[in-house]
Amino acid sequence: MEKLISKDISSQVAELFNELESGVEILFFGTEKNCGHCEVIEQLIGEVAELSSLIGYQTLDIEKEASLAEKYHVAEAPTLVMLRRDGDKLVDFGIRLLGAPAGHEFTTLVHDILFVSKRQSGLSEETRAYLHGLDAPVLLQVFVTPTCPYCPQAVLLAHQMAMESELVQAEMVESTEFFELANRYNVSGVPQTTINAGAGRVVGAVPERVLLEQIQTALNR
């Protein structure tokens, strides 16, 4: 089988993974029903896992493993769930990728692994303090396409915010795979970050402060 990741990219990513501190477990929820990208995603995750002994992955069927899907708030397939290994425990930071992390979004996958392993969001003290004080759930859905060069920035910011609060779940959503979801939220350009099922919306790759303000506005409605 032909490799999806070139030798040059593999060596670059393997070098980055030398910085990993804790183990990372990737749960891949696929389905046997009309999933054109499932085999490719499974192969991609397998190739990524080969680049570090600290990375593991599991392939799960969303229908057959319905209770596990519910536990991790997974409603769609294909979905990747990024977990940190803490001894015998798996720590969930609410980081999800819906659809194939292909094209520019491969960068997102690599950075997510680094974020989860190091448990460092890199956000400002102001943002972290606000997220730590949340008392209501926040769902951030960042709609992307593989050819969008600005999309990883928006996805990673949402994922950074998820790392700081158990009440935040942040999802990369590949618009062409999940076009019904994209249509529901009137996605006409990417990246678009939808907050709490349409209570708020941010178009473009915006600074941390702007996304934080939009989250605050959405929660106050």
C-alpha atoms as a PDB file:
ATOM      1  CA  MET A   1       0.000   0.000   0.000  1.00  0.00           C
ATOM      2  CA  GLU A   2       1.341   3.403  -0.974  1.00  0.00           C
ATOM      3  CA  LYS A   3       2.163   5.698   1.929  1.00  0.00           C
ATOM      4  CA  LEU A   4       0.056   8.815   2.420  1.00  0.00           C
ATOM      5  CA  ILE A   5       2.831  10.724   4.205  1.00  0.00           C
ATOM      6  CA  SER A   6       6.030  11.285   2.230  1.00  0.00           C
ATOM      7  CA  LYS A   7       9.443  10.380   3.660  1.00  0.00           C
ATOM      8  CA  ASP A   8      10.405  14.046   3.960  1.00  0.00           C
ATOM      9  CA  ILE A   9       7.243  14.967   5.858  1.00  0.00           C
ATOM     10  CA  SER A  10       7.532  11.843   8.018  1.00  0.00           C
ATOM     11  CA  SER A  11      11.054  12.755   9.106  1.00  0.00           C
ATOM     12  CA  GLN A  12      10.011  16.345   9.874  1.00  0.00           C
ATOM     13  CA  VAL A  13       7.018  15.228  11.931  1.00  0.00           C
ATOM     14  CA  ALA A  14       9.053  12.550  13.733  1.00  0.00           C
ATOM     15  CA  GLU A  15      11.516  15.255  14.751  1.00  0.00           C
ATOM     16  CA  LEU A  16       8.666  17.377  16.132  1.00  0.00           C
ATOM     17  CA  PHE A  17       7.369  14.365  18.045  1.00  0.00           C
ATOM     18  CA  ASN A  18      10.671  14.172  19.921  1.00  0.00           C
ATOM     19  CA  GLU A  19       9.127  16.977  22.006  1.00  0.00           C
ATOM     20  CA  LEU A  20       6.242  14.764  23.182  1.00  0.00           C
ATOM     21  CA  GLU A  21       6.035  14.440  26.956  1.00  0.00           C
ATOM     22  CA  SER A  22       3.044  12.202  27.679  1.00  0.00           C
ATOM     23  CA  GLY A  23       1.401   9.548  25.579  1.00  0.00           C
ATOM     24  CA  VAL A  24      -1.421  10.426  23.190  1.00  0.00           C
ATOM     25  CA  GLU A  25      -4.273   8.089  22.268  1.00  0.00           C
ATOM     26  CA  ILE A  26      -6.327   8.789  19.147  1.00  0.00           C
ATOM     27  CA  LEU A  27      -9.796   7.266  18.959  1.00  0.00           C
ATOM     28  CA  PHE A  28     -11.052   6.959  15.403  1.00  0.00           C
ATOM     29  CA  PHE A  29     -14.822   6.536  15.174  1.00  0.00           C
ATOM     30  CA  GLY A  30     -15.709   5.259  11.730  1.00  0.00           C
ATOM     31  CA  THR A  31     -18.715   3.572  10.188  1.00  0.00           C
ATOM     32  CA  GLU A  32     -19.470   0.941   7.581  1.00  0.00           C
ATOM     33  CA  LYS A  33     -22.256   3.143   6.186  1.00  0.00           C
ATOM     34  CA  ASN A  34     -21.268   5.464   3.348  1.00  0.00           C
ATOM     35  CA  CYS A  35     -17.883   6.504   4.718  1.00  0.00           C
ATOM     36  CA  GLY A  36     -15.720   7.226   1.716  1.00  0.00           C
ATOM     37  CA  HIS A  37     -12.825   8.592   3.765  1.00  0.00           C
ATOM     38  CA  CYS A  38     -12.711   6.089   6.638  1.00  0.00           C
ATOM     39  CA  GLU A  39     -10.040   3.822   5.152  1.00  0.00           C
ATOM     40  CA  VAL A  40      -7.835   6.785   4.270  1.00  0.00           C
ATOM     41  CA  ILE A  41      -8.182   8.291   7.748  1.00  0.00           C
ATOM     42  CA  GLU A  42      -7.347   4.978   9.413  1.00  0.00           C
ATOM     43  CA  GLN A  43      -4.254   4.614   7.233  1.00  0.00           C
ATOM     44  CA  LEU A  44      -3.204   8.202   7.955  1.00  0.00           C
ATOM     45  CA  ILE A  45      -3.552   7.785  11.725  1.00  0.00           C
ATOM     46  CA  GLY A  46      -1.626   4.523  11.549  1.00  0.00           C
ATOM     47  CA  GLU A  47       1.237   6.213   9.702  1.00  0.00           C
ATOM     48  CA  VAL A  48       1.281   9.060  12.235  1.00  0.00           C
ATOM     49  CA  ALA A  49       1.353   6.603  15.144  1.00  0.00           C
ATOM     50  CA  GLU A  50       4.396   4.902  13.613  1.00  0.00           C
ATOM     51  CA  LEU A  51       6.367   8.137  14.050  1.00  0.00           C
ATOM     52  CA  SER A  52       6.443   7.954  17.869  1.00  0.00           C
ATOM     53  CA  SER A  53       6.128   5.219  20.472  1.00  0.00           C
ATOM     54  CA  LEU A  54       4.106   7.694  22.557  1.00  0.00           C
ATOM     55  CA  ILE A  55       1.227   7.717  20.057  1.00  0.00           C
ATOM     56  CA  GLY A  56      -1.421   5.014  19.985  1.00  0.00           C
ATOM     57  CA  TYR A  57      -4.740   4.710  18.212  1.00  0.00           C
ATOM     58  CA  GLN A  58      -7.935   2.682  18.241  1.00  0.00           C
ATOM     59  CA  THR A  59     -10.405   2.158  15.409  1.00  0.00           C
ATOM     60  CA  LEU A  60     -14.019   2.001  16.574  1.00  0.00           C
ATOM     61  CA  ASP A  61     -17.360   1.588  14.825  1.00  0.00           C
ATOM     62  CA  ILE A  62     -19.709   4.395  15.890  1.00  0.00           C
ATOM     63  CA  GLU A  63     -22.742   2.094  15.727  1.00  0.00           C
ATOM     64  CA  LYS A  64     -21.195  -0.949  17.412  1.00  0.00           C
ATOM     65  CA  GLU A  65     -19.464   1.186  20.057  1.00  0.00           C
ATOM     66  CA  ALA A  66     -22.437   3.482  20.658  1.00  0.00           C
ATOM     67  CA  SER A  67     -21.879   3.745  24.418  1.00  0.00           C
ATOM     68  CA  LEU A  68     -18.258   4.796  23.911  1.00  0.00           C
ATOM     69  CA  ALA A  69     -19.308   7.286  21.240  1.00  0.00           C
ATOM     70  CA  GLU A  70     -21.826   8.750  23.675  1.00  0.00           C
ATOM     71  CA  LYS A  71     -19.195   8.950  26.414  1.00  0.00           C
ATOM     72  CA  TYR A  72     -16.968  11.044  24.161  1.00  0.00           C
ATOM     73  CA  HIS A  73     -19.853  13.104  22.706  1.00  0.00           C
ATOM     74  CA  VAL A  74     -19.301  11.739  19.210  1.00  0.00           C
ATOM     75  CA  ALA A  75     -22.415  11.988  17.034  1.00  0.00           C
ATOM     76  CA  GLU A  76     -20.899  11.822  13.550  1.00  0.00           C
ATOM     77  CA  ALA A  77     -18.469   9.586  11.682  1.00  0.00           C
ATOM     78  CA  PRO A  78     -15.695   9.854  10.768  1.00  0.00           C
ATOM     79  CA  THR A  79     -14.484  11.584  13.946  1.00  0.00           C
ATOM     80  CA  LEU A  80     -11.109  11.634  15.677  1.00  0.00           C
ATOM     81  CA  VAL A  81     -10.934  12.107  19.459  1.00  0.00           C
ATOM     82  CA  MET A  82      -7.604  13.260  20.887  1.00  0.00           C
ATOM     83  CA  LEU A  83      -6.793  11.920  24.374  1.00  0.00           C
ATOM     84  CA  ARG A  84      -3.813  12.219  26.711  1.00  0.00           C
ATOM     85  CA  ARG A  85      -2.504   9.155  28.505  1.00  0.00           C
ATOM     86  CA  ASP A  86      -2.087   9.808  32.232  1.00  0.00           C
ATOM     87  CA  GLY A  87      -0.947   6.507  33.687  1.00  0.00           C
ATOM     88  CA  ASP A  88      -3.859   4.124  33.190  1.00  0.00           C
ATOM     89  CA  LYS A  89      -6.287   6.986  32.553  1.00  0.00           C
ATOM     90  CA  LEU A  90      -7.219   8.667  29.293  1.00  0.00           C
ATOM     91  CA  VAL A  91      -7.775  12.408  29.687  1.00  0.00           C
ATOM     92  CA  ASP A  92     -10.245  14.054  27.315  1.00  0.00           C
ATOM     93  CA  PHE A  93      -9.683  17.737  26.500  1.00  0.00           C
ATOM     94  CA  GLY A  94     -12.694  18.007  24.206  1.00  0.00           C
ATOM     95  CA  ILE A  95     -10.616  18.092  21.005  1.00  0.00           C
ATOM     96  CA  ARG A  96     -12.343  16.572  17.971  1.00  0.00           C
ATOM     97  CA  LEU A  97     -11.724  16.372  14.226  1.00  0.00           C
ATOM     98  CA  LEU A  98     -14.743  15.541  12.043  1.00  0.00           C
ATOM     99  CA  GLY A  99     -13.591  14.355   8.653  1.00  0.00           C
ATOM    100  CA  ALA A 100     -10.178  13.712   7.184  1.00  0.00           C
ATOM    101  CA  PRO A 101      -7.332  15.896   8.513  1.00  0.00           C
ATOM    102  CA  ALA A 102      -5.975  16.185   4.977  1.00  0.00           C
ATOM    103  CA  GLY A 103      -4.224  18.970   3.114  1.00  0.00           C
ATOM    104  CA  HIS A 104      -3.529  21.920   5.392  1.00  0.00           C
ATOM    105  CA  GLU A 105      -5.435  20.213   8.213  1.00  0.00           C
ATOM    106  CA  PHE A 106      -2.667  17.632   8.581  1.00  0.00           C
ATOM    107  CA  THR A 107      -0.814  20.463  10.343  1.00  0.00           C
ATOM    108  CA  THR A 108      -3.722  20.695  12.783  1.00  0.00           C
ATOM    109  CA  LEU A 109      -3.468  16.997  13.611  1.00  0.00           C
ATOM    110  CA  VAL A 110       0.265  17.263  14.314  1.00  0.00           C
ATOM    111  CA  HIS A 111      -0.140  20.329  16.532  1.00  0.00           C
ATOM    112  CA  ASP A 112      -3.077  18.753  18.375  1.00  0.00           C
ATOM    113  CA  ILE A 113      -0.877  15.797  19.282  1.00  0.00           C
ATOM    114  CA  LEU A 114       1.776  18.174  20.615  1.00  0.00           C
ATOM    115  CA  PHE A 115      -0.786  20.251  22.557  1.00  0.00           C
ATOM    116  CA  VAL A 116      -2.370  17.212  24.182  1.00  0.00           C
ATOM    117  CA  SER A 117       0.957  15.593  25.063  1.00  0.00           C
ATOM    118  CA  LYS A 118       2.405  18.741  26.632  1.00  0.00           C
ATOM    119  CA  ARG A 119      -0.904  19.936  28.091  1.00  0.00           C
ATOM    120  CA  GLN A 120      -0.017  23.512  27.237  1.00  0.00           C
ATOM    121  CA  SER A 121      -2.627  25.648  25.498  1.00  0.00           C
ATOM    122  CA  GLY A 122      -0.408  28.704  25.086  1.00  0.00           C
ATOM    123  CA  LEU A 123      -3.381  31.032  25.676  1.00  0.00           C
ATOM    124  CA  SER A 124      -3.177  34.325  27.566  1.00  0.00           C
ATOM    125  CA  GLU A 125      -3.853  34.477  31.301  1.00  0.00           C
ATOM    126  CA  GLU A 126      -7.016  36.518  30.660  1.00  0.00           C
ATOM    127  CA  THR A 127      -8.462  33.909  28.310  1.00  0.00           C
ATOM    128  CA  ARG A 128      -7.495  31.023  30.559  1.00  0.00           C
ATOM    129  CA  ALA A 129      -9.079  32.705  33.594  1.00  0.00           C
ATOM    130  CA  TYR A 130     -12.348  33.237  31.736  1.00  0.00           C
ATOM    131  CA  LEU A 131     -12.463  29.655  30.467  1.00  0.00           C
ATOM    132  CA  HIS A 132     -11.679  28.264  33.925  1.00  0.00           C
ATOM    133  CA  GLY A 133     -14.664  30.203  35.274  1.00  0.00           C
ATOM    134  CA  LEU A 134     -17.220  28.947  32.747  1.00  0.00           C
ATOM    135  CA  ASP A 135     -20.475  27.629  34.175  1.00  0.00           C
ATOM    136  CA  ALA A 136     -22.183  26.772  30.876  1.00  0.00           C
ATOM    137  CA  PRO A 137     -21.109  24.445  28.040  1.00  0.00           C
ATOM    138  CA  VAL A 138     -19.501  25.838  24.892  1.00  0.00           C
ATOM    139  CA  LEU A 139     -19.400  24.005  21.555  1.00  0.00           C
ATOM    140  CA  LEU A 140     -17.039  25.440  18.949  1.00  0.00           C
ATOM    141  CA  GLN A 141     -17.398  23.986  15.438  1.00  0.00           C
ATOM    142  CA  VAL A 142     -14.765  25.247  13.016  1.00  0.00           C
ATOM    143  CA  PHE A 143     -15.736  24.585   9.408  1.00  0.00           C
ATOM    144  CA  VAL A 144     -12.781  24.057   7.078  1.00  0.00           C
ATOM    145  CA  THR A 145     -11.673  22.693   3.723  1.00  0.00           C
ATOM    146  CA  PRO A 146      -8.366  20.889   3.065  1.00  0.00           C
ATOM    147  CA  THR A 147      -7.205  23.605   0.655  1.00  0.00           C
ATOM    148  CA  CYS A 148      -7.749  26.515   3.060  1.00  0.00           C
ATOM    149  CA  PRO A 149      -4.372  27.838   4.308  1.00  0.00           C
ATOM    150  CA  TYR A 150      -5.915  29.924   7.116  1.00  0.00           C
ATOM    151  CA  CYS A 151      -8.160  27.210   8.539  1.00  0.00           C
ATOM    152  CA  PRO A 152      -5.606  25.450  10.788  1.00  0.00           C
ATOM    153  CA  GLN A 153      -5.083  28.697  12.715  1.00  0.00           C
ATOM    154  CA  ALA A 154      -8.805  28.902  13.507  1.00  0.00           C
ATOM    155  CA  VAL A 155      -9.071  25.217  14.421  1.00  0.00           C
ATOM    156  CA  LEU A 156      -6.036  25.278  16.681  1.00  0.00           C
ATOM    157  CA  LEU A 157      -7.333  28.337  18.554  1.00  0.00           C
ATOM    158  CA  ALA A 158     -10.615  26.545  19.244  1.00  0.00           C
ATOM    159  CA  HIS A 159      -8.727  23.429  20.342  1.00  0.00           C
ATOM    160  CA  GLN A 160      -6.509  25.507  22.629  1.00  0.00           C
ATOM    161  CA  MET A 161      -9.633  26.855  24.312  1.00  0.00           C
ATOM    162  CA  ALA A 162     -11.024  23.349  24.768  1.00  0.00           C
ATOM    163  CA  MET A 163      -7.862  22.390  26.631  1.00  0.00           C
ATOM    164  CA  GLU A 164      -8.578  24.988  29.310  1.00  0.00           C
ATOM    165  CA  SER A 165     -12.107  23.939  30.293  1.00  0.00           C
ATOM    166  CA  GLU A 166     -14.034  20.700  30.619  1.00  0.00           C
ATOM    167  CA  LEU A 167     -17.088  22.660  29.476  1.00  0.00           C
ATOM    168  CA  VAL A 168     -15.611  23.435  26.050  1.00  0.00           C
ATOM    169  CA  GLN A 169     -15.696  21.001  23.136  1.00  0.00           C
ATOM    170  CA  ALA A 170     -14.007  22.154  19.931  1.00  0.00           C
ATOM    171  CA  GLU A 171     -14.477  20.406  16.608  1.00  0.00           C
ATOM    172  CA  MET A 172     -12.806  20.756  13.261  1.00  0.00           C
ATOM    173  CA  VAL A 173     -15.545  20.065  10.707  1.00  0.00           C
ATOM    174  CA  GLU A 174     -14.518  19.283   7.126  1.00  0.00           C
ATOM    175  CA  SER A 175     -17.238  21.118   5.210  1.00  0.00           C
ATOM    176  CA  THR A 176     -17.239  19.012   2.050  1.00  0.00           C
ATOM    177  CA  GLU A 177     -17.655  15.786   4.052  1.00  0.00           C
ATOM    178  CA  PHE A 178     -20.279  17.255   6.375  1.00  0.00           C
ATOM    179  CA  PHE A 179     -22.060  19.488   3.876  1.00  0.00           C
ATOM    180  CA  GLU A 180     -25.451  19.126   5.591  1.00  0.00           C
ATOM    181  CA  LEU A 181     -23.952  20.500   8.797  1.00  0.00           C
ATOM    182  CA  ALA A 182     -22.255  23.277   6.844  1.00  0.00           C
ATOM    183  CA  ASN A 183     -25.556  24.152   5.152  1.00  0.00           C
ATOM    184  CA  ARG A 184     -27.375  24.190   8.487  1.00  0.00           C
ATOM    185  CA  TYR A 185     -25.060  26.927   9.733  1.00  0.00           C
ATOM    186  CA  ASN A 186     -24.941  28.815   6.422  1.00  0.00           C
ATOM    187  CA  VAL A 187     -21.238  28.276   5.854  1.00  0.00           C
ATOM    188  CA  SER A 188     -20.305  30.226   2.738  1.00  0.00           C
ATOM    189  CA  GLY A 189     -16.622  30.778   3.452  1.00  0.00           C
ATOM    190  CA  VAL A 190     -14.000  29.087   5.578  1.00  0.00           C
ATOM    191  CA  PRO A 191     -12.845  29.094   8.246  1.00  0.00           C
ATOM    192  CA  GLN A 192     -16.110  29.702  10.052  1.00  0.00           C
ATOM    193  CA  THR A 193     -16.414  29.079  13.778  1.00  0.00           C
ATOM    194  CA  THR A 194     -19.977  28.401  14.909  1.00  0.00           C
ATOM    195  CA  ILE A 195     -20.598  28.840  18.634  1.00  0.00           C
ATOM    196  CA  ASN A 196     -23.254  26.786  20.438  1.00  0.00           C
ATOM    197  CA  ALA A 197     -25.217  25.698  17.379  1.00  0.00           C
ATOM    198  CA  GLY A 198     -25.564  29.180  15.925  1.00  0.00           C
ATOM    199  CA  ALA A 199     -25.735  31.386  19.031  1.00  0.00           C
ATOM    200  CA  GLY A 200     -22.563  33.014  17.718  1.00  0.00           C
ATOM    201  CA  ARG A 201     -20.414  32.962  14.614  1.00  0.00           C
ATOM    202  CA  VAL A 202     -16.919  34.071  13.632  1.00  0.00           C
ATOM    203  CA  VAL A 203     -15.765  34.136  10.022  1.00  0.00           C
ATOM    204  CA  GLY A 204     -12.057  34.013   9.277  1.00  0.00           C
ATOM    205  CA  ALA A 205      -8.953  33.236  11.307  1.00  0.00           C
ATOM    206  CA  VAL A 206      -9.329  35.796  14.092  1.00  0.00           C
ATOM    207  CA  PRO A 207      -7.143  36.686  17.086  1.00  0.00           C
ATOM    208  CA  GLU A 208      -7.721  34.996  20.439  1.00  0.00           C
ATOM    209  CA  ARG A 209      -9.359  38.120  21.894  1.00  0.00           C
ATOM    210  CA  VAL A 210     -11.986  38.277  19.129  1.00  0.00           C
ATOM    211  CA  LEU A 211     -13.065  34.649  19.547  1.00  0.00           C
ATOM    212  CA  LEU A 212     -13.221  35.091  23.322  1.00  0.00           C
ATOM    213  CA  GLU A 213     -15.473  38.145  22.932  1.00  0.00           C
ATOM    214  CA  GLN A 214     -17.793  36.242  20.587  1.00  0.00           C
ATOM    215  CA  ILE A 215     -18.036  33.347  23.058  1.00  0.00           C
ATOM    216  CA  GLN A 216     -18.927  35.814  25.818  1.00  0.00           C
ATOM    217  CA  THR A 217     -21.587  37.422  23.610  1.00  0.00           C
ATOM    218  CA  ALA A 218     -23.081  34.052  22.623  1.00  0.00           C
ATOM    219  CA  LEU A 219     -23.335  32.943  26.254  1.00  0.00           C
ATOM    220  CA  ASN A 220     -25.050  36.184  27.262  1.00  0.00           C
ATOM    221  CA  ARG A 221     -27.845  35.803  24.698  1.00  0.00           C
END
